[in-house]
N, C-alpha and C. Protein backbone atom coordinates (compact mmCIF):
# COMPACT_ATOMS: atom_id res chain seq x y z
N MET A 1 4.68 8.27 2.62
CA MET A 1 4.20 7.54 1.08
C MET A 1 2.89 6.72 1.37
N VAL A 2 2.62 6.86 0.07
CA VAL A 2 0.92 6.37 -0.11
C VAL A 2 1.22 4.73 0.56
N MET A 3 2.33 3.69 -0.05
CA MET A 3 2.43 2.18 0.18
C MET A 3 2.57 2.30 1.90
N ASN A 4 3.34 3.35 2.44
CA ASN A 4 3.14 2.97 4.00
C ASN A 4 2.07 3.12 4.43
N GLU A 5 0.92 4.15 4.18
CA GLU A 5 0.01 4.54 4.76
C GLU A 5 -1.09 3.32 4.36
N LEU A 6 -1.14 2.45 3.31
CA LEU A 6 -2.11 1.86 3.02
C LEU A 6 -1.44 0.91 3.98
N ALA A 7 -0.12 0.07 4.28
CA ALA A 7 0.20 -1.13 5.06
C ALA A 7 -0.43 -0.56 6.61
N GLY A 8 -0.26 0.67 7.06
CA GLY A 8 -0.74 1.04 8.15
C GLY A 8 -1.71 0.92 8.65
N ILE A 9 -2.80 1.22 7.44
CA ILE A 9 -4.29 0.99 7.48
C ILE A 9 -4.63 -0.80 7.69
N ALA A 10 -3.98 -1.35 7.13
CA ALA A 10 -3.94 -2.72 7.16
C ALA A 10 -3.91 -3.21 8.27
N ASP A 11 -2.74 -2.44 9.14
CA ASP A 11 -2.14 -3.36 10.50
C ASP A 11 -3.20 -2.72 11.40
N ARG A 12 -4.15 -1.74 11.56
CA ARG A 12 -4.87 -1.03 12.20
C ARG A 12 -6.25 -1.89 12.17
N LEU A 13 -6.50 -3.01 11.48
CA LEU A 13 -7.66 -3.43 11.26
C LEU A 13 -7.92 -4.79 12.25
N PRO A 14 -9.30 -4.67 12.84
CA PRO A 14 -9.11 -5.38 13.70
C PRO A 14 -8.55 -6.98 13.44
N LEU A 15 -8.11 -7.84 14.20
CA LEU A 15 -7.92 -9.10 14.08
C LEU A 15 -8.98 -10.00 14.81
N THR A 16 -9.21 -11.20 14.17
CA THR A 16 -10.00 -12.09 14.74
C THR A 16 -10.28 -12.07 15.98
N THR A 17 -8.87 -12.26 16.78
CA THR A 17 -9.18 -12.32 18.17
C THR A 17 -9.87 -11.20 18.67
N GLN A 18 -10.10 -9.70 17.91
CA GLN A 18 -10.38 -8.53 18.81
C GLN A 18 -12.04 -8.37 18.37
N LEU A 19 -12.35 -9.39 17.21
CA LEU A 19 -14.08 -9.48 16.99
C LEU A 19 -14.56 -9.93 18.25
N SER A 20 -15.66 -9.48 18.43
CA SER A 20 -16.83 -9.44 19.53
C SER A 20 -17.98 -9.38 19.40
N PRO A 21 -19.15 -9.98 19.61
CA PRO A 21 -20.38 -9.79 19.39
C PRO A 21 -20.75 -8.57 20.36
N GLU A 22 -20.11 -7.80 21.10
CA GLU A 22 -20.58 -7.18 22.25
C GLU A 22 -20.71 -5.79 21.56
N PRO A 23 -21.68 -4.76 21.76
CA PRO A 23 -22.03 -3.48 21.40
C PRO A 23 -20.68 -2.72 21.44
N ARG A 24 -19.88 -2.86 22.40
CA ARG A 24 -18.94 -1.75 22.61
C ARG A 24 -17.69 -2.67 22.20
N SER A 25 -17.69 -3.59 21.38
CA SER A 25 -16.41 -4.09 20.97
C SER A 25 -15.48 -3.23 20.12
N GLY A 26 -15.60 -2.18 19.80
CA GLY A 26 -15.00 -1.14 19.00
C GLY A 26 -14.41 -1.62 17.70
N THR A 27 -15.32 -2.34 16.99
CA THR A 27 -14.97 -3.07 16.16
C THR A 27 -15.92 -2.18 14.79
N GLY A 28 -16.87 -1.43 15.17
CA GLY A 28 -17.55 -0.32 14.33
C GLY A 28 -16.67 0.76 14.04
N GLU A 29 -16.15 1.09 15.42
CA GLU A 29 -14.98 2.53 15.18
C GLU A 29 -13.91 2.09 14.60
N ASP A 30 -13.25 1.06 14.76
CA ASP A 30 -12.14 0.68 13.83
C ASP A 30 -12.52 0.83 12.61
N LEU A 31 -13.48 0.01 12.06
CA LEU A 31 -14.14 0.30 10.47
C LEU A 31 -14.17 1.57 10.11
N GLU A 32 -14.80 2.28 11.13
CA GLU A 32 -15.14 3.40 10.40
C GLU A 32 -13.85 4.07 10.26
N ASP A 33 -12.72 4.33 11.05
CA ASP A 33 -11.54 4.88 11.16
C ASP A 33 -10.68 4.42 9.68
N ALA A 34 -10.97 3.24 9.54
CA ALA A 34 -10.06 2.33 8.67
C ALA A 34 -10.42 3.16 7.20
N ILE A 35 -12.02 3.02 6.88
CA ILE A 35 -12.72 3.62 6.00
C ILE A 35 -12.30 4.91 5.62
N ARG A 36 -12.30 5.69 6.56
CA ARG A 36 -12.26 7.22 6.54
C ARG A 36 -10.71 6.95 5.66
N ASP A 37 -10.00 6.90 6.38
CA ASP A 37 -8.32 6.83 6.01
C ASP A 37 -8.32 6.44 4.33
N LEU A 38 -8.79 5.07 4.07
CA LEU A 38 -8.83 4.45 3.02
C LEU A 38 -9.32 5.32 1.87
N THR A 39 -10.67 5.75 2.32
CA THR A 39 -11.19 6.56 1.44
C THR A 39 -10.36 7.91 0.92
N ARG A 40 -9.73 8.36 1.76
CA ARG A 40 -9.12 9.60 1.77
C ARG A 40 -7.97 9.09 0.84
N HIS A 41 -7.23 8.11 1.15
CA HIS A 41 -6.14 7.54 -0.01
C HIS A 41 -6.42 7.25 -1.29
N PHE A 42 -7.88 6.66 -1.19
CA PHE A 42 -8.48 6.33 -2.41
C PHE A 42 -8.51 7.53 -3.73
N THR A 43 -8.85 8.64 -2.71
CA THR A 43 -9.23 9.95 -3.50
C THR A 43 -8.05 10.50 -3.93
N TYR A 44 -6.95 10.32 -3.19
CA TYR A 44 -5.73 11.05 -3.56
C TYR A 44 -5.42 10.27 -4.83
N LEU A 45 -5.63 8.81 -5.10
CA LEU A 45 -5.09 8.57 -5.82
C LEU A 45 -5.58 8.77 -7.16
N ALA A 46 -7.00 8.41 -6.92
CA ALA A 46 -7.51 9.00 -8.07
C ALA A 46 -7.22 10.70 -8.77
N TYR A 47 -7.25 11.51 -7.67
CA TYR A 47 -6.99 12.98 -7.96
C TYR A 47 -5.36 13.12 -8.40
N THR A 48 -4.70 12.07 -7.94
CA THR A 48 -3.26 12.27 -8.58
C THR A 48 -3.27 12.00 -10.04
N ILE A 49 -3.83 10.91 -10.25
CA ILE A 49 -3.99 10.49 -11.77
C ILE A 49 -4.62 11.01 -12.77
N ALA A 50 -5.84 12.13 -12.17
CA ALA A 50 -6.41 13.03 -13.07
C ALA A 50 -5.79 14.15 -13.28
N THR A 51 -4.68 14.75 -12.05
CA THR A 51 -3.79 15.71 -12.21
C THR A 51 -2.81 15.51 -13.15
N ARG A 52 -2.42 14.20 -13.25
CA ARG A 52 -1.28 14.12 -14.05
C ARG A 52 -1.66 14.02 -15.65
N ASP A 53 -3.15 13.34 -15.66
CA ASP A 53 -3.59 13.32 -17.24
C ASP A 53 -3.80 14.98 -17.45
N ARG A 54 -3.96 15.71 -16.98
CA ARG A 54 -4.34 17.12 -17.43
C ARG A 54 -2.57 17.57 -17.44
N GLN A 55 -1.95 17.49 -16.55
CA GLN A 55 -0.51 17.96 -17.06
C GLN A 55 0.12 17.16 -18.35
N ALA A 56 -0.19 16.15 -18.41
CA ALA A 56 0.52 15.36 -19.65
C ALA A 56 -0.15 16.05 -20.85
N HIS A 57 -1.45 16.81 -20.97
CA HIS A 57 -1.81 17.16 -21.89
C HIS A 57 -1.54 18.80 -22.28
N ARG A 58 -1.58 19.54 -20.90
CA ARG A 58 -1.29 20.81 -21.06
C ARG A 58 0.49 21.05 -21.21
N TYR A 59 1.21 20.12 -20.68
CA TYR A 59 2.55 20.35 -20.73
C TYR A 59 3.46 19.03 -21.00
N PRO A 60 2.83 18.48 -22.28
CA PRO A 60 3.68 17.28 -23.06
C PRO A 60 5.11 17.34 -22.75
N SER A 61 5.94 18.10 -23.25
CA SER A 61 7.42 18.34 -23.12
C SER A 61 7.90 18.08 -21.40
N GLN A 62 7.06 18.50 -20.48
CA GLN A 62 7.50 18.25 -19.09
C GLN A 62 6.77 16.80 -18.46
N TYR A 63 6.32 16.11 -19.21
CA TYR A 63 5.62 14.96 -18.39
C TYR A 63 6.48 13.85 -18.91
N THR A 64 7.65 13.37 -18.23
CA THR A 64 8.84 12.66 -18.26
C THR A 64 8.11 11.18 -18.43
N PRO A 65 8.96 10.37 -18.85
CA PRO A 65 8.71 8.83 -18.90
C PRO A 65 8.28 8.14 -17.23
N GLN A 66 9.09 9.00 -16.51
CA GLN A 66 9.19 8.68 -14.75
C GLN A 66 7.87 9.07 -14.45
N LEU A 67 7.35 10.07 -14.66
CA LEU A 67 5.83 10.68 -14.40
C LEU A 67 4.95 9.81 -14.71
N ARG A 68 5.09 9.35 -16.12
CA ARG A 68 4.19 8.34 -16.73
C ARG A 68 4.62 7.28 -15.84
N GLU A 69 5.32 6.15 -15.61
CA GLU A 69 5.63 5.24 -14.66
C GLU A 69 4.75 5.16 -13.36
N GLY A 70 5.33 6.33 -12.92
CA GLY A 70 4.82 6.65 -11.41
C GLY A 70 3.22 6.72 -11.53
N THR A 71 2.70 7.32 -12.54
CA THR A 71 1.23 7.57 -12.52
C THR A 71 0.56 6.03 -12.81
N ALA A 72 1.09 5.45 -13.77
CA ALA A 72 0.62 3.73 -13.95
C ALA A 72 0.91 3.17 -12.74
N ALA A 73 1.81 3.38 -11.82
CA ALA A 73 1.98 2.69 -10.64
C ALA A 73 0.61 2.95 -9.61
N LEU A 74 0.47 4.05 -9.51
CA LEU A 74 -0.61 4.71 -8.49
C LEU A 74 -1.99 3.90 -8.95
N ALA A 75 -1.94 3.89 -10.46
CA ALA A 75 -3.34 3.51 -11.04
C ALA A 75 -3.44 2.19 -10.94
N ARG A 76 -2.37 1.53 -10.84
CA ARG A 76 -2.57 0.13 -10.14
C ARG A 76 -2.92 -0.19 -8.98
N ALA A 77 -2.32 0.69 -8.20
CA ALA A 77 -2.45 0.22 -6.61
C ALA A 77 -4.12 0.57 -6.36
N ALA A 78 -4.69 1.54 -7.02
CA ALA A 78 -6.23 2.16 -6.93
C ALA A 78 -6.87 1.02 -7.17
N THR A 79 -6.48 -0.32 -8.01
CA THR A 79 -7.37 -1.51 -8.10
C THR A 79 -7.40 -2.28 -7.17
N ARG A 80 -6.44 -2.36 -6.38
CA ARG A 80 -6.60 -3.07 -5.17
C ARG A 80 -6.94 -2.38 -3.67
N THR A 81 -6.68 -1.04 -3.83
CA THR A 81 -7.08 -0.08 -3.06
C THR A 81 -8.68 -0.46 -2.98
N GLY A 82 -9.32 -0.19 -4.01
CA GLY A 82 -10.67 -0.25 -4.54
C GLY A 82 -11.38 -1.62 -3.86
N ARG A 83 -10.51 -2.53 -4.28
CA ARG A 83 -11.06 -3.83 -3.52
C ARG A 83 -11.28 -3.77 -1.88
N ALA A 84 -9.97 -3.60 -1.63
CA ALA A 84 -10.29 -3.18 -0.14
C ALA A 84 -11.22 -2.85 0.38
N LEU A 85 -11.49 -1.41 -0.26
CA LEU A 85 -12.97 -0.38 0.26
C LEU A 85 -14.02 -1.46 0.27
N ALA A 86 -14.19 -2.07 -0.68
CA ALA A 86 -15.30 -3.02 -0.99
C ALA A 86 -15.74 -3.79 -0.05
N ALA A 87 -14.34 -4.53 0.39
CA ALA A 87 -14.33 -5.46 1.39
C ALA A 87 -14.30 -5.06 2.50
N LEU A 88 -14.48 -3.87 2.76
CA LEU A 88 -14.85 -3.19 4.23
C LEU A 88 -15.96 -2.91 4.37
N GLY A 89 -16.82 -2.44 3.33
CA GLY A 89 -17.98 -2.16 3.10
C GLY A 89 -18.82 -3.28 3.32
N GLU A 90 -18.53 -4.57 3.07
CA GLU A 90 -18.99 -5.80 3.73
C GLU A 90 -19.17 -6.14 4.78
N ALA A 91 -18.02 -5.48 5.59
CA ALA A 91 -17.54 -5.88 6.56
C ALA A 91 -18.35 -4.96 7.59
N VAL A 92 -18.64 -3.80 6.99
CA VAL A 92 -19.87 -2.64 8.02
C VAL A 92 -21.08 -3.46 7.79
N THR A 93 -21.59 -4.15 6.80
CA THR A 93 -22.95 -4.68 6.66
C THR A 93 -22.79 -5.99 7.33
N ALA A 94 -21.75 -6.46 7.61
CA ALA A 94 -21.67 -7.89 8.84
C ALA A 94 -21.79 -7.40 10.29
N THR A 95 -20.59 -6.16 10.46
CA THR A 95 -20.80 -5.58 11.51
C THR A 95 -22.45 -5.09 11.96
N GLY A 96 -23.11 -4.56 11.01
CA GLY A 96 -24.41 -4.28 11.42
C GLY A 96 -25.38 -5.39 11.76
N HIS A 97 -25.23 -6.48 10.72
CA HIS A 97 -25.81 -7.72 11.38
C HIS A 97 -25.76 -8.31 12.79
N LEU A 98 -24.37 -8.19 12.82
CA LEU A 98 -23.86 -8.68 14.30
C LEU A 98 -24.48 -7.47 15.40
N HIS A 99 -24.55 -6.46 15.26
CA HIS A 99 -25.19 -5.31 16.40
C HIS A 99 -26.86 -5.57 16.28
N HIS A 100 -27.09 -6.21 15.08
CA HIS A 100 -28.78 -6.60 15.26
C HIS A 100 -28.97 -7.64 15.85
N LEU A 101 -28.17 -8.73 15.88
CA LEU A 101 -27.91 -10.26 16.69
C LEU A 101 -27.98 -9.86 18.35
N THR A 102 -26.92 -9.10 18.41
CA THR A 102 -26.74 -8.66 20.22
C THR A 102 -27.70 -8.03 20.55
N HIS A 103 -28.64 -7.19 19.97
CA HIS A 103 -29.87 -6.83 20.65
C HIS A 103 -31.01 -6.87 20.41
N ASN A 104 -31.23 -8.32 19.68
CA ASN A 104 -32.37 -9.35 19.71
C ASN A 104 -32.20 -10.10 20.92
N ARG A 105 -33.49 -10.60 21.16
CA ARG A 105 -33.53 -11.74 21.98
C ARG A 105 -32.81 -13.31 21.39
N PRO A 106 -32.21 -13.93 22.33
CA PRO A 106 -31.63 -15.25 21.50
C PRO A 106 -32.88 -15.92 21.49
N GLY A 107 -32.90 -16.70 20.09
CA GLY A 107 -33.75 -17.48 20.12
C GLY A 107 -32.91 -18.78 19.24
N PRO A 108 -34.08 -19.68 18.95
CA PRO A 108 -32.98 -20.89 18.33
C PRO A 108 -31.96 -20.58 17.36
N GLY A 109 -31.11 -21.06 17.20
CA GLY A 109 -29.77 -20.72 16.04
C GLY A 109 -28.72 -19.38 16.53
N HIS A 110 -29.20 -18.94 17.68
CA HIS A 110 -28.78 -17.46 17.88
C HIS A 110 -27.06 -17.37 18.09
N ALA A 111 -26.69 -18.70 18.73
CA ALA A 111 -25.49 -18.84 18.99
C ALA A 111 -24.71 -19.09 17.78
N GLU A 112 -25.31 -19.84 16.94
CA GLU A 112 -24.95 -20.22 15.35
C GLU A 112 -24.84 -18.89 14.47
N ASP A 113 -25.73 -18.31 14.41
CA ASP A 113 -25.70 -16.81 13.95
C ASP A 113 -24.67 -15.87 14.10
N LEU A 114 -24.89 -15.95 15.55
CA LEU A 114 -23.46 -15.01 15.76
C LEU A 114 -22.28 -15.51 15.24
N GLN A 115 -21.64 -16.75 15.30
CA GLN A 115 -20.77 -17.04 15.19
C GLN A 115 -20.37 -17.36 13.76
N HIS A 116 -21.31 -17.32 12.95
CA HIS A 116 -21.51 -17.26 11.38
C HIS A 116 -21.01 -15.70 11.00
N THR A 117 -21.68 -14.91 11.52
CA THR A 117 -21.63 -13.45 11.32
C THR A 117 -20.11 -13.04 11.33
N ARG A 118 -19.95 -13.06 12.90
CA ARG A 118 -18.30 -13.16 12.88
C ARG A 118 -17.25 -13.62 11.88
N THR A 119 -17.55 -15.08 11.78
CA THR A 119 -16.78 -15.61 10.47
C THR A 119 -16.72 -14.64 9.15
N VAL A 120 -18.03 -14.36 9.15
CA VAL A 120 -17.97 -13.33 7.72
C VAL A 120 -17.43 -12.17 7.63
N LEU A 121 -17.67 -11.55 9.24
CA LEU A 121 -16.55 -10.41 9.31
C LEU A 121 -15.33 -10.66 9.18
N ASP A 122 -14.76 -11.40 9.87
CA ASP A 122 -13.38 -11.86 9.92
C ASP A 122 -12.81 -11.90 8.68
N GLY A 123 -13.53 -12.61 7.57
CA GLY A 123 -13.05 -12.91 6.59
C GLY A 123 -13.14 -11.81 5.15
N HIS A 124 -14.11 -10.32 5.59
CA HIS A 124 -14.39 -9.39 4.79
C HIS A 124 -12.77 -8.44 5.38
N ILE A 125 -12.70 -8.54 6.56
CA ILE A 125 -11.32 -7.78 7.16
C ILE A 125 -10.25 -8.24 6.66
N THR A 126 -10.30 -9.66 6.60
CA THR A 126 -8.61 -10.13 6.00
C THR A 126 -8.76 -10.12 4.68
N GLN A 127 -9.50 -10.29 4.05
CA GLN A 127 -9.58 -9.71 2.58
C GLN A 127 -9.21 -8.41 2.38
N ALA A 128 -9.85 -7.63 3.10
CA ALA A 128 -9.42 -6.16 3.05
C ALA A 128 -7.93 -5.87 3.35
N ARG A 129 -7.47 -6.38 4.51
CA ARG A 129 -5.96 -6.31 4.84
C ARG A 129 -5.02 -6.91 3.65
N ALA A 130 -5.66 -7.88 2.90
CA ALA A 130 -4.29 -8.57 1.95
C ALA A 130 -4.64 -8.04 0.95
N GLN A 131 -5.50 -6.80 0.42
CA GLN A 131 -5.53 -6.09 -0.62
C GLN A 131 -4.81 -4.99 -0.24
N LEU A 132 -4.70 -4.64 0.86
CA LEU A 132 -4.10 -3.28 1.07
C LEU A 132 -2.62 -3.63 1.27
N PHE A 133 -2.11 -4.95 1.85
CA PHE A 133 -0.94 -4.88 1.80
C PHE A 133 -0.37 -5.29 0.24
N ALA A 134 -1.17 -6.14 -0.44
CA ALA A 134 -0.77 -6.38 -1.90
C ALA A 134 -0.38 -5.17 -2.40
N ALA A 135 -1.47 -4.25 -2.30
CA ALA A 135 -1.16 -2.69 -2.99
C ALA A 135 0.29 -2.18 -2.29
N ALA A 136 0.51 -2.31 -1.19
CA ALA A 136 1.42 -1.44 -0.35
C ALA A 136 2.98 -2.17 -1.01
N ARG A 137 2.78 -3.83 -1.35
CA ARG A 137 3.89 -4.11 -1.56
C ARG A 137 4.14 -3.90 -3.49
N GLN A 138 3.24 -3.99 -4.07
CA GLN A 138 3.17 -3.51 -5.52
C GLN A 138 3.62 -2.03 -5.63
N LEU A 139 3.42 -1.25 -4.72
CA LEU A 139 3.73 0.08 -4.85
C LEU A 139 5.23 0.30 -4.18
N ARG A 140 5.75 -0.36 -3.49
CA ARG A 140 7.37 -0.45 -3.15
C ARG A 140 8.19 -1.05 -4.29
N ALA A 141 7.66 -2.16 -4.83
CA ALA A 141 8.42 -2.77 -5.81
C ALA A 141 8.30 -1.75 -7.00
N ASP A 142 7.19 -1.21 -7.41
CA ASP A 142 7.25 -0.19 -8.50
C ASP A 142 8.38 1.07 -8.11
N ALA A 143 8.40 1.23 -6.76
CA ALA A 143 9.11 2.56 -6.23
C ALA A 143 10.65 2.25 -6.89
N HIS A 144 10.75 0.66 -6.25
CA HIS A 144 12.18 0.56 -6.60
C HIS A 144 12.58 0.39 -7.86
N ARG A 145 11.31 -0.01 -8.77
CA ARG A 145 12.04 -0.03 -9.89
C ARG A 145 12.22 1.22 -10.76
N LEU A 146 11.49 1.97 -10.20
CA LEU A 146 11.46 3.48 -10.85
C LEU A 146 12.90 4.05 -10.46
N LEU A 147 13.18 3.99 -9.27
CA LEU A 147 14.53 4.40 -8.73
C LEU A 147 15.48 3.81 -9.35
N ALA A 148 15.66 2.61 -9.38
CA ALA A 148 16.61 1.89 -10.02
C ALA A 148 17.06 2.37 -11.40
N ALA A 149 15.88 2.64 -12.27
CA ALA A 149 15.85 3.00 -13.66
C ALA A 149 16.04 4.73 -13.66
N GLN A 150 16.30 5.19 -12.15
CA GLN A 150 16.56 6.80 -12.55
C GLN A 150 18.10 6.87 -12.12
N THR A 151 18.55 5.71 -11.42
CA THR A 151 20.01 5.90 -10.80
C THR A 151 20.93 5.74 -12.19
N PRO A 152 21.88 7.08 -12.30
CA PRO A 152 22.72 6.93 -13.51
C PRO A 152 23.94 5.79 -13.30
N VAL A 153 24.10 5.34 -14.31
CA VAL A 153 25.12 4.06 -14.73
C VAL A 153 26.18 4.74 -13.96
N ALA A 154 26.99 4.24 -13.17
CA ALA A 154 28.36 4.32 -12.65
C ALA A 154 29.14 4.14 -14.03
N PRO A 155 30.08 5.46 -13.92
CA PRO A 155 30.99 4.89 -15.01
C PRO A 155 31.99 3.86 -15.12
N ALA A 156 32.16 3.20 -16.00
CA ALA A 156 33.46 2.18 -15.86
C ALA A 156 34.63 2.57 -15.27
N ALA A 157 35.24 1.35 -15.19
CA ALA A 157 36.61 2.11 -13.89
C ALA A 157 37.59 2.14 -15.13
N LEU A 158 38.15 3.45 -14.66
CA LEU A 158 39.17 3.82 -15.76
C LEU A 158 40.29 2.86 -15.97
N THR A 159 40.79 2.40 -16.71
CA THR A 159 42.08 1.45 -17.07
C THR A 159 43.10 2.31 -17.48
N THR A 160 44.13 2.44 -16.84
CA THR A 160 45.48 3.15 -17.19
C THR A 160 46.37 2.11 -17.30
N LEU A 161 47.36 2.77 -18.23
CA LEU A 161 48.61 1.76 -18.14
C LEU A 161 49.58 1.99 -17.02
N PRO A 162 49.94 0.94 -16.47
CA PRO A 162 50.87 1.22 -15.70
C PRO A 162 52.22 2.04 -15.96
N VAL A 163 52.74 3.01 -15.27
CA VAL A 163 53.68 3.97 -15.78
C VAL A 163 54.98 3.37 -14.83
N ALA A 164 55.91 3.01 -15.79
CA ALA A 164 57.25 3.14 -14.85
C ALA A 164 57.71 3.81 -13.47
N ALA A 165 57.77 3.16 -12.57
CA ALA A 165 57.98 3.76 -11.31
C ALA A 165 59.72 4.46 -11.44
N VAL A 166 59.25 5.51 -11.00
CA VAL A 166 60.70 6.44 -11.21
C VAL A 166 61.22 6.31 -10.03
N SER A 167 62.26 5.68 -9.53
CA SER A 167 62.74 5.57 -8.31
C SER A 167 63.73 6.67 -7.90
N SER A 168 63.21 7.45 -6.38
CA SER A 168 63.99 8.35 -5.99
C SER A 168 65.06 8.09 -5.54
N SER A 169 65.44 7.01 -4.99
CA SER A 169 66.93 6.77 -4.75
C SER A 169 67.84 7.06 -5.53
N PRO A 170 69.15 7.21 -4.79
CA PRO A 170 70.32 7.56 -5.54
C PRO A 170 70.73 6.40 -6.35
N ARG A 171 70.19 5.12 -6.03
CA ARG A 171 70.60 3.84 -6.31
C ARG A 171 70.08 3.84 -8.12
N GLY A 172 68.93 4.05 -8.41
CA GLY A 172 67.84 3.97 -9.33
C GLY A 172 68.57 5.12 -10.54
N ARG A 173 68.97 6.33 -10.11
CA ARG A 173 69.51 7.20 -10.99
C ARG A 173 70.94 6.64 -11.82
N SER A 174 70.97 7.10 -13.05
CA SER A 174 72.24 7.04 -13.75
C SER A 174 73.30 8.14 -13.27
N ARG A 175 74.29 7.54 -13.30
CA ARG A 175 75.50 8.58 -12.75
C ARG A 175 76.25 9.03 -13.84
C-alpha cells in the first residue's frame, strides 16, 4: 500500500548521526534511492488520480462514492509527498555543497561551513521524513475511515418473547 511505502522511504532516509562530510558517506546514494522511490510513488498518485478522473467521466454510474473518497485521499497525500520531494531536492543541493567543501582546501571558517551545511542537510532530510510520515498517517486514517464506512451495519439483535418451557418430565404433564 502507498502509505506503507511512504513510511518505508522515510525510514530509509539517513539520520543526523549518519551524515558525514566524507565523500564516501553514502548520503548521496541514500538520497538518490529515496528520490527515485518517492518520485515513483508521486507519479503513481498523479496517474491514479488522472485515471480515476477519466473513469468518472466515461463511466459515471460505476464511479462510486468510495472511489471518489479514495481518490480524494490520494490527492491529499500528493501534497505532503510533493513537499517531501521538494525537501529532498534541497537536501541534494546541501549534499552537493558538502561535497564541494570536502574537496576544497580548508580555509578560514571551513569547519563552521561544514557544520552549517550538515545542519542544513539534516533539516531538509528531517522535513522530508516528517512530510512522508504525515502523508502515511493521513492515508492510514483515510483508509480506516473508508473501510468503516463500507462495513455493513450489524442487524439489531433479534428480540424474542420468552416461550414457556414445556417440561418433558412426567411430573409436568397433566394426567
